[in-house]
Amino acid sequence: MNIGAIFDWDGVVANTELPHLESWRMLAKAHGHEIPDNFMADTFGKRNLEIIPNMLGWTKDRAEVEKMSDEKEVYYRGIIAEKGLPLVAGVEDFLRALNAAGIPCAIGSSSPRRNIEQALDVLGFAPLFSAVVSMEDVSRGKPAPDVFLLAAERLGVEPRRCAVFEDSEAGIDAANAAKMKSVAVATTRPADFWESRWQGFPDAIIADFLPMTPEILASFWRK
């Protein structure tokens, strides 16, 4: 079909909100801070290196920001190693159907590579993705389009022939900036949030992947 599918990780492939929130709370407690209300909704899709100094304001020192970011992810990996990682409904069947149809898939995420690799290993999903682009691979995080443009390059598919599955505003904006099809997965934000948007509106909104097929994905380019 000469198309590609790019998936954000957190909240799109895996339901990671609770382990991420728990790891942020552990980090905050360890450093004498508190997590503000609506923290997860406001920061999903953004990188720790932006969240810690700019959104939380805990420190502006680059070395300290990097140290705290690494510490937070150690907490996170420990949590998912102990408790496992639930999937968004229908995503495994959809990924396997895309692979069977010859549609290459990539991960384009703001998460650290070690987090993604550990999760892929736990889930046995590594063979389902032809490329993985993580926070270490780009200098600009979402809403800049860099992560998705690099994912398309690694898939060998033109950006305009790629569809991005995202759950965050920053991710949808990044997909639109990359001139890709954008699909909002209503996990972190409800469907009515996406329906009310007037800027950077996604091409489609889905609650989960249960209704998705390769044929439905291909139909996005026939609209």
C-alpha atoms as a PDB file:
ATOM      1  CA  MET A   1       0.000   0.000   0.000  1.00  0.00           C
ATOM      2  CA  ASN A   2       3.108   2.243   0.205  1.00  0.00           C
ATOM      3  CA  ILE A   3       2.038   3.711   3.541  1.00  0.00           C
ATOM      4  CA  GLY A   4       3.530   3.666   7.026  1.00  0.00           C
ATOM      5  CA  ALA A   5       2.108   3.695  10.548  1.00  0.00           C
ATOM      6  CA  ILE A   6       3.855   5.536  13.381  1.00  0.00           C
ATOM      7  CA  PHE A   7       2.790   4.974  16.969  1.00  0.00           C
ATOM      8  CA  ASP A   8       3.478   7.049  20.016  1.00  0.00           C
ATOM      9  CA  TRP A   9       4.120   4.650  22.905  1.00  0.00           C
ATOM     10  CA  ASP A  10       2.665   5.956  26.160  1.00  0.00           C
ATOM     11  CA  GLY A  11      -1.130   5.978  26.099  1.00  0.00           C
ATOM     12  CA  VAL A  12      -1.230   4.673  22.528  1.00  0.00           C
ATOM     13  CA  VAL A  13       0.336   1.205  22.535  1.00  0.00           C
ATOM     14  CA  ALA A  14       0.502   0.774  26.303  1.00  0.00           C
ATOM     15  CA  ASN A  15      -1.559   2.257  29.119  1.00  0.00           C
ATOM     16  CA  THR A  16       1.353   3.759  31.013  1.00  0.00           C
ATOM     17  CA  GLU A  17      -0.276   6.706  32.784  1.00  0.00           C
ATOM     18  CA  LEU A  18      -0.426   5.118  36.240  1.00  0.00           C
ATOM     19  CA  PRO A  19       3.170   3.802  36.334  1.00  0.00           C
ATOM     20  CA  HIS A  20       4.439   7.138  34.990  1.00  0.00           C
ATOM     21  CA  LEU A  21       2.457   9.076  37.592  1.00  0.00           C
ATOM     22  CA  GLU A  22       3.717   6.794  40.349  1.00  0.00           C
ATOM     23  CA  SER A  23       7.313   7.248  39.212  1.00  0.00           C
ATOM     24  CA  TRP A  24       6.929  11.047  39.084  1.00  0.00           C
ATOM     25  CA  ARG A  25       5.522  10.985  42.618  1.00  0.00           C
ATOM     26  CA  MET A  26       8.464   8.889  43.783  1.00  0.00           C
ATOM     27  CA  LEU A  27      10.870  11.376  42.220  1.00  0.00           C
ATOM     28  CA  ALA A  28       9.038  14.347  43.729  1.00  0.00           C
ATOM     29  CA  LYS A  29       9.079  12.774  47.200  1.00  0.00           C
ATOM     30  CA  ALA A  30      12.772  11.955  46.934  1.00  0.00           C
ATOM     31  CA  HIS A  31      13.574  15.614  46.204  1.00  0.00           C
ATOM     32  CA  GLY A  32      11.056  17.309  48.493  1.00  0.00           C
ATOM     33  CA  HIS A  33       8.634  18.418  45.788  1.00  0.00           C
ATOM     34  CA  GLU A  34       4.964  17.852  44.951  1.00  0.00           C
ATOM     35  CA  ILE A  35       3.221  16.986  41.681  1.00  0.00           C
ATOM     36  CA  PRO A  36       0.639  19.614  40.617  1.00  0.00           C
ATOM     37  CA  ASP A  37      -2.956  18.851  39.680  1.00  0.00           C
ATOM     38  CA  ASN A  38      -3.563  17.795  36.049  1.00  0.00           C
ATOM     39  CA  PHE A  39       0.144  17.053  35.767  1.00  0.00           C
ATOM     40  CA  MET A  40      -0.169  14.009  33.498  1.00  0.00           C
ATOM     41  CA  ALA A  41      -2.650  15.583  31.072  1.00  0.00           C
ATOM     42  CA  ASP A  42      -0.521  18.718  30.816  1.00  0.00           C
ATOM     43  CA  THR A  43       2.779  16.922  30.231  1.00  0.00           C
ATOM     44  CA  PHE A  44       1.922  13.849  28.125  1.00  0.00           C
ATOM     45  CA  GLY A  45       3.922  13.853  24.921  1.00  0.00           C
ATOM     46  CA  LYS A  46       6.664  16.090  26.330  1.00  0.00           C
ATOM     47  CA  ARG A  47      10.169  15.104  27.353  1.00  0.00           C
ATOM     48  CA  ASN A  48      11.488  14.988  30.927  1.00  0.00           C
ATOM     49  CA  LEU A  49      14.207  17.438  29.895  1.00  0.00           C
ATOM     50  CA  GLU A  50      11.462  19.981  29.189  1.00  0.00           C
ATOM     51  CA  ILE A  51       9.071  19.007  31.998  1.00  0.00           C
ATOM     52  CA  ILE A  52      11.501  19.265  34.929  1.00  0.00           C
ATOM     53  CA  PRO A  53      12.897  22.777  34.282  1.00  0.00           C
ATOM     54  CA  ASN A  54      10.056  24.422  32.333  1.00  0.00           C
ATOM     55  CA  MET A  55       6.812  22.934  33.631  1.00  0.00           C
ATOM     56  CA  LEU A  56       7.759  21.865  37.155  1.00  0.00           C
ATOM     57  CA  GLY A  57      10.501  24.437  37.685  1.00  0.00           C
ATOM     58  CA  TRP A  58      12.441  22.127  39.983  1.00  0.00           C
ATOM     59  CA  THR A  59      15.856  23.105  38.602  1.00  0.00           C
ATOM     60  CA  LYS A  60      17.362  24.820  35.571  1.00  0.00           C
ATOM     61  CA  ASP A  61      20.764  23.189  35.956  1.00  0.00           C
ATOM     62  CA  ARG A  62      21.170  20.918  32.923  1.00  0.00           C
ATOM     63  CA  ALA A  63      23.205  18.255  34.707  1.00  0.00           C
ATOM     64  CA  GLU A  64      20.704  18.101  37.568  1.00  0.00           C
ATOM     65  CA  VAL A  65      17.785  17.944  35.127  1.00  0.00           C
ATOM     66  CA  GLU A  66      19.402  14.988  33.351  1.00  0.00           C
ATOM     67  CA  LYS A  67      20.150  13.256  36.650  1.00  0.00           C
ATOM     68  CA  MET A  68      16.554  13.662  37.867  1.00  0.00           C
ATOM     69  CA  SER A  69      15.211  12.511  34.503  1.00  0.00           C
ATOM     70  CA  ASP A  70      17.299   9.323  34.661  1.00  0.00           C
ATOM     71  CA  GLU A  71      16.223   8.729  38.255  1.00  0.00           C
ATOM     72  CA  LYS A  72      12.559   9.056  37.344  1.00  0.00           C
ATOM     73  CA  GLU A  73      12.923   6.472  34.579  1.00  0.00           C
ATOM     74  CA  VAL A  74      14.687   4.025  36.890  1.00  0.00           C
ATOM     75  CA  TYR A  75      11.613   4.236  39.135  1.00  0.00           C
ATOM     76  CA  TYR A  76       9.357   3.720  36.110  1.00  0.00           C
ATOM     77  CA  ARG A  77      11.191   0.653  34.808  1.00  0.00           C
ATOM     78  CA  GLY A  78      11.111  -0.882  38.273  1.00  0.00           C
ATOM     79  CA  ILE A  79       7.349  -0.396  38.451  1.00  0.00           C
ATOM     80  CA  ILE A  80       6.586  -1.995  35.077  1.00  0.00           C
ATOM     81  CA  ALA A  81       9.032  -4.831  35.774  1.00  0.00           C
ATOM     82  CA  GLU A  82       7.096  -5.590  38.946  1.00  0.00           C
ATOM     83  CA  LYS A  83       3.521  -4.870  37.849  1.00  0.00           C
ATOM     84  CA  GLY A  84       3.562  -5.383  34.079  1.00  0.00           C
ATOM     85  CA  LEU A  85       2.171  -3.143  31.365  1.00  0.00           C
ATOM     86  CA  PRO A  86      -1.437  -3.202  30.115  1.00  0.00           C
ATOM     87  CA  LEU A  87      -2.113  -2.606  26.423  1.00  0.00           C
ATOM     88  CA  VAL A  88      -4.592  -0.285  24.736  1.00  0.00           C
ATOM     89  CA  ALA A  89      -7.478  -2.450  23.512  1.00  0.00           C
ATOM     90  CA  GLY A  90      -6.987  -3.954  20.058  1.00  0.00           C
ATOM     91  CA  VAL A  91      -3.477  -2.633  19.479  1.00  0.00           C
ATOM     92  CA  GLU A  92      -1.756  -6.018  19.278  1.00  0.00           C
ATOM     93  CA  ASP A  93      -4.196  -7.383  16.688  1.00  0.00           C
ATOM     94  CA  PHE A  94      -3.928  -4.170  14.664  1.00  0.00           C
ATOM     95  CA  LEU A  95      -0.123  -4.237  14.698  1.00  0.00           C
ATOM     96  CA  ARG A  96      -0.088  -7.862  13.585  1.00  0.00           C
ATOM     97  CA  ALA A  97      -2.593  -7.112  10.821  1.00  0.00           C
ATOM     98  CA  LEU A  98      -0.447  -4.215   9.585  1.00  0.00           C
ATOM     99  CA  ASN A  99       2.607  -6.468   9.516  1.00  0.00           C
ATOM    100  CA  ALA A 100       0.710  -9.147   7.620  1.00  0.00           C
ATOM    101  CA  ALA A 101      -0.405  -6.513   5.096  1.00  0.00           C
ATOM    102  CA  GLY A 102       3.166  -5.352   4.577  1.00  0.00           C
ATOM    103  CA  ILE A 103       2.623  -1.940   6.165  1.00  0.00           C
ATOM    104  CA  PRO A 104       5.758  -0.997   8.146  1.00  0.00           C
ATOM    105  CA  CYS A 105       5.313   0.299  11.686  1.00  0.00           C
ATOM    106  CA  ALA A 106       7.494   2.550  13.811  1.00  0.00           C
ATOM    107  CA  ILE A 107       7.487   3.927  17.320  1.00  0.00           C
ATOM    108  CA  GLY A 108       7.899   7.699  17.607  1.00  0.00           C
ATOM    109  CA  SER A 109       8.048   8.518  21.298  1.00  0.00           C
ATOM    110  CA  SER A 110       9.294  11.095  23.786  1.00  0.00           C
ATOM    111  CA  SER A 111      10.191   8.250  26.151  1.00  0.00           C
ATOM    112  CA  PRO A 112      13.777   7.106  26.761  1.00  0.00           C
ATOM    113  CA  ARG A 113      14.913   4.235  24.563  1.00  0.00           C
ATOM    114  CA  ARG A 114      15.606   1.975  27.563  1.00  0.00           C
ATOM    115  CA  ASN A 115      11.950   2.269  28.638  1.00  0.00           C
ATOM    116  CA  ILE A 116      10.699   1.326  25.192  1.00  0.00           C
ATOM    117  CA  GLU A 117      13.158  -1.521  24.747  1.00  0.00           C
ATOM    118  CA  GLN A 118      12.259  -2.995  28.144  1.00  0.00           C
ATOM    119  CA  ALA A 119       8.541  -2.785  27.333  1.00  0.00           C
ATOM    120  CA  LEU A 120       9.035  -4.339  23.876  1.00  0.00           C
ATOM    121  CA  ASP A 121      10.973  -7.171  25.468  1.00  0.00           C
ATOM    122  CA  VAL A 122       8.328  -7.763  28.154  1.00  0.00           C
ATOM    123  CA  LEU A 123       5.515  -7.726  25.588  1.00  0.00           C
ATOM    124  CA  GLY A 124       7.361  -9.562  22.813  1.00  0.00           C
ATOM    125  CA  PHE A 125       6.547  -6.715  20.420  1.00  0.00           C
ATOM    126  CA  ALA A 126      10.005  -5.986  18.997  1.00  0.00           C
ATOM    127  CA  PRO A 127       9.356  -7.906  15.726  1.00  0.00           C
ATOM    128  CA  LEU A 128       6.246  -5.793  15.072  1.00  0.00           C
ATOM    129  CA  PHE A 129       8.200  -2.541  14.641  1.00  0.00           C
ATOM    130  CA  SER A 130      10.676  -1.805  11.865  1.00  0.00           C
ATOM    131  CA  ALA A 131      11.999   1.318  13.590  1.00  0.00           C
ATOM    132  CA  VAL A 132      12.079   2.931  17.016  1.00  0.00           C
ATOM    133  CA  VAL A 133      12.685   6.655  17.499  1.00  0.00           C
ATOM    134  CA  SER A 134      13.032   7.789  21.101  1.00  0.00           C
ATOM    135  CA  MET A 135      13.868  11.007  22.944  1.00  0.00           C
ATOM    136  CA  GLU A 136      17.617  10.452  22.518  1.00  0.00           C
ATOM    137  CA  ASP A 137      17.349  10.480  18.720  1.00  0.00           C
ATOM    138  CA  VAL A 138      16.181  14.070  18.253  1.00  0.00           C
ATOM    139  CA  SER A 139      17.196  17.447  19.627  1.00  0.00           C
ATOM    140  CA  ARG A 140      13.659  18.875  19.548  1.00  0.00           C
ATOM    141  CA  GLY A 141      10.733  17.126  21.205  1.00  0.00           C
ATOM    142  CA  LYS A 142       7.079  17.292  20.216  1.00  0.00           C
ATOM    143  CA  PRO A 143       5.317  19.485  19.053  1.00  0.00           C
ATOM    144  CA  ALA A 144       8.318  19.767  16.718  1.00  0.00           C
ATOM    145  CA  PRO A 145       7.912  17.160  13.954  1.00  0.00           C
ATOM    146  CA  ASP A 146      11.456  15.762  14.246  1.00  0.00           C
ATOM    147  CA  VAL A 147      10.601  12.440  15.924  1.00  0.00           C
ATOM    148  CA  PHE A 148       8.017  11.544  13.286  1.00  0.00           C
ATOM    149  CA  LEU A 149      10.093  12.727  10.338  1.00  0.00           C
ATOM    150  CA  LEU A 150      12.976  10.548  11.509  1.00  0.00           C
ATOM    151  CA  ALA A 151      10.606   7.603  11.999  1.00  0.00           C
ATOM    152  CA  ALA A 152       9.333   8.003   8.403  1.00  0.00           C
ATOM    153  CA  GLU A 153      12.909   8.199   7.132  1.00  0.00           C
ATOM    154  CA  ARG A 154      13.822   4.988   8.940  1.00  0.00           C
ATOM    155  CA  LEU A 155      10.738   3.275   7.527  1.00  0.00           C
ATOM    156  CA  GLY A 156      11.622   4.443   4.022  1.00  0.00           C
ATOM    157  CA  VAL A 157       8.170   5.994   3.573  1.00  0.00           C
ATOM    158  CA  GLU A 158       7.415   9.585   2.545  1.00  0.00           C
ATOM    159  CA  PRO A 159       6.024  11.660   5.433  1.00  0.00           C
ATOM    160  CA  ARG A 160       2.815  12.439   3.533  1.00  0.00           C
ATOM    161  CA  ARG A 161       2.213   8.683   3.251  1.00  0.00           C
ATOM    162  CA  CYS A 162       2.501   8.097   7.015  1.00  0.00           C
ATOM    163  CA  ALA A 163      -0.221   8.112   9.671  1.00  0.00           C
ATOM    164  CA  VAL A 164       0.572   8.935  13.281  1.00  0.00           C
ATOM    165  CA  PHE A 165      -1.382   7.520  16.234  1.00  0.00           C
ATOM    166  CA  GLU A 166      -1.162   9.883  19.207  1.00  0.00           C
ATOM    167  CA  ASP A 167      -2.880  10.670  22.495  1.00  0.00           C
ATOM    168  CA  SER A 168      -1.403  14.110  23.222  1.00  0.00           C
ATOM    169  CA  GLU A 169      -1.875  17.602  21.820  1.00  0.00           C
ATOM    170  CA  ALA A 170       1.869  17.948  21.347  1.00  0.00           C
ATOM    171  CA  GLY A 171       1.918  14.698  19.384  1.00  0.00           C
ATOM    172  CA  ILE A 172      -0.998  15.610  17.118  1.00  0.00           C
ATOM    173  CA  ASP A 173       0.584  19.015  16.470  1.00  0.00           C
ATOM    174  CA  ALA A 174       3.878  17.283  15.650  1.00  0.00           C
ATOM    175  CA  ALA A 175       2.141  14.933  13.199  1.00  0.00           C
ATOM    176  CA  ASN A 176       0.399  17.825  11.497  1.00  0.00           C
ATOM    177  CA  ALA A 177       3.682  19.769  11.319  1.00  0.00           C
ATOM    178  CA  ALA A 178       5.223  16.737   9.613  1.00  0.00           C
ATOM    179  CA  LYS A 179       2.377  16.789   7.029  1.00  0.00           C
ATOM    180  CA  MET A 180       1.275  13.315   8.107  1.00  0.00           C
ATOM    181  CA  LYS A 181      -2.185  11.930   8.749  1.00  0.00           C
ATOM    182  CA  SER A 182      -3.008  12.260  12.432  1.00  0.00           C
ATOM    183  CA  VAL A 183      -5.186   9.915  14.482  1.00  0.00           C
ATOM    184  CA  ALA A 184      -6.087  10.889  18.041  1.00  0.00           C
ATOM    185  CA  VAL A 185      -6.407   7.928  20.400  1.00  0.00           C
ATOM    186  CA  ALA A 186      -8.863   8.987  23.118  1.00  0.00           C
ATOM    187  CA  THR A 187      -7.086   7.467  26.104  1.00  0.00           C
ATOM    188  CA  THR A 188      -5.425  10.412  27.851  1.00  0.00           C
ATOM    189  CA  ARG A 189      -7.931  12.920  26.459  1.00  0.00           C
ATOM    190  CA  PRO A 190     -11.613  12.020  25.870  1.00  0.00           C
ATOM    191  CA  ALA A 191     -13.111  12.029  22.374  1.00  0.00           C
ATOM    192  CA  ASP A 192     -15.094  15.221  23.004  1.00  0.00           C
ATOM    193  CA  PHE A 193     -11.848  17.061  23.724  1.00  0.00           C
ATOM    194  CA  TRP A 194     -10.566  16.235  20.250  1.00  0.00           C
ATOM    195  CA  GLU A 195     -13.937  16.933  18.652  1.00  0.00           C
ATOM    196  CA  SER A 196     -13.895  20.454  20.112  1.00  0.00           C
ATOM    197  CA  ARG A 197     -10.455  21.359  18.790  1.00  0.00           C
ATOM    198  CA  TRP A 198     -10.286  23.983  16.090  1.00  0.00           C
ATOM    199  CA  GLN A 199      -6.538  24.100  15.471  1.00  0.00           C
ATOM    200  CA  GLY A 200      -4.507  21.085  14.374  1.00  0.00           C
ATOM    201  CA  PHE A 201      -7.627  18.936  14.276  1.00  0.00           C
ATOM    202  CA  PRO A 202      -6.771  15.220  13.846  1.00  0.00           C
ATOM    203  CA  ASP A 203      -7.859  13.382  10.699  1.00  0.00           C
ATOM    204  CA  ALA A 204      -9.594  10.729  12.807  1.00  0.00           C
ATOM    205  CA  ILE A 205     -10.494  10.020  16.442  1.00  0.00           C
ATOM    206  CA  ILE A 206     -10.615   6.498  17.876  1.00  0.00           C
ATOM    207  CA  ALA A 207     -11.349   5.250  21.384  1.00  0.00           C
ATOM    208  CA  ASP A 208      -9.031   2.263  20.888  1.00  0.00           C
ATOM    209  CA  PHE A 209      -7.790  -0.007  18.092  1.00  0.00           C
ATOM    210  CA  LEU A 210     -10.593  -2.569  18.141  1.00  0.00           C
ATOM    211  CA  PRO A 211     -12.259  -1.223  14.970  1.00  0.00           C
ATOM    212  CA  MET A 212      -9.008  -0.536  13.103  1.00  0.00           C
ATOM    213  CA  THR A 213      -7.866  -2.554  10.075  1.00  0.00           C
ATOM    214  CA  PRO A 214      -5.218  -1.985   7.394  1.00  0.00           C
ATOM    215  CA  GLU A 215      -8.028  -1.193   4.953  1.00  0.00           C
ATOM    216  CA  ILE A 216      -9.425   1.531   7.214  1.00  0.00           C
ATOM    217  CA  LEU A 217      -5.941   2.986   7.577  1.00  0.00           C
ATOM    218  CA  ALA A 218      -5.488   3.034   3.784  1.00  0.00           C
ATOM    219  CA  SER A 219      -8.828   4.824   3.412  1.00  0.00           C
ATOM    220  CA  PHE A 220      -7.390   7.937   5.112  1.00  0.00           C
ATOM    221  CA  TRP A 221      -5.646   8.797   1.837  1.00  0.00           C
ATOM    222  CA  ARG A 222      -8.864   8.452  -0.164  1.00  0.00           C
ATOM    223  CA  LYS A 223     -10.727  11.146   1.779  1.00  0.00           C
END
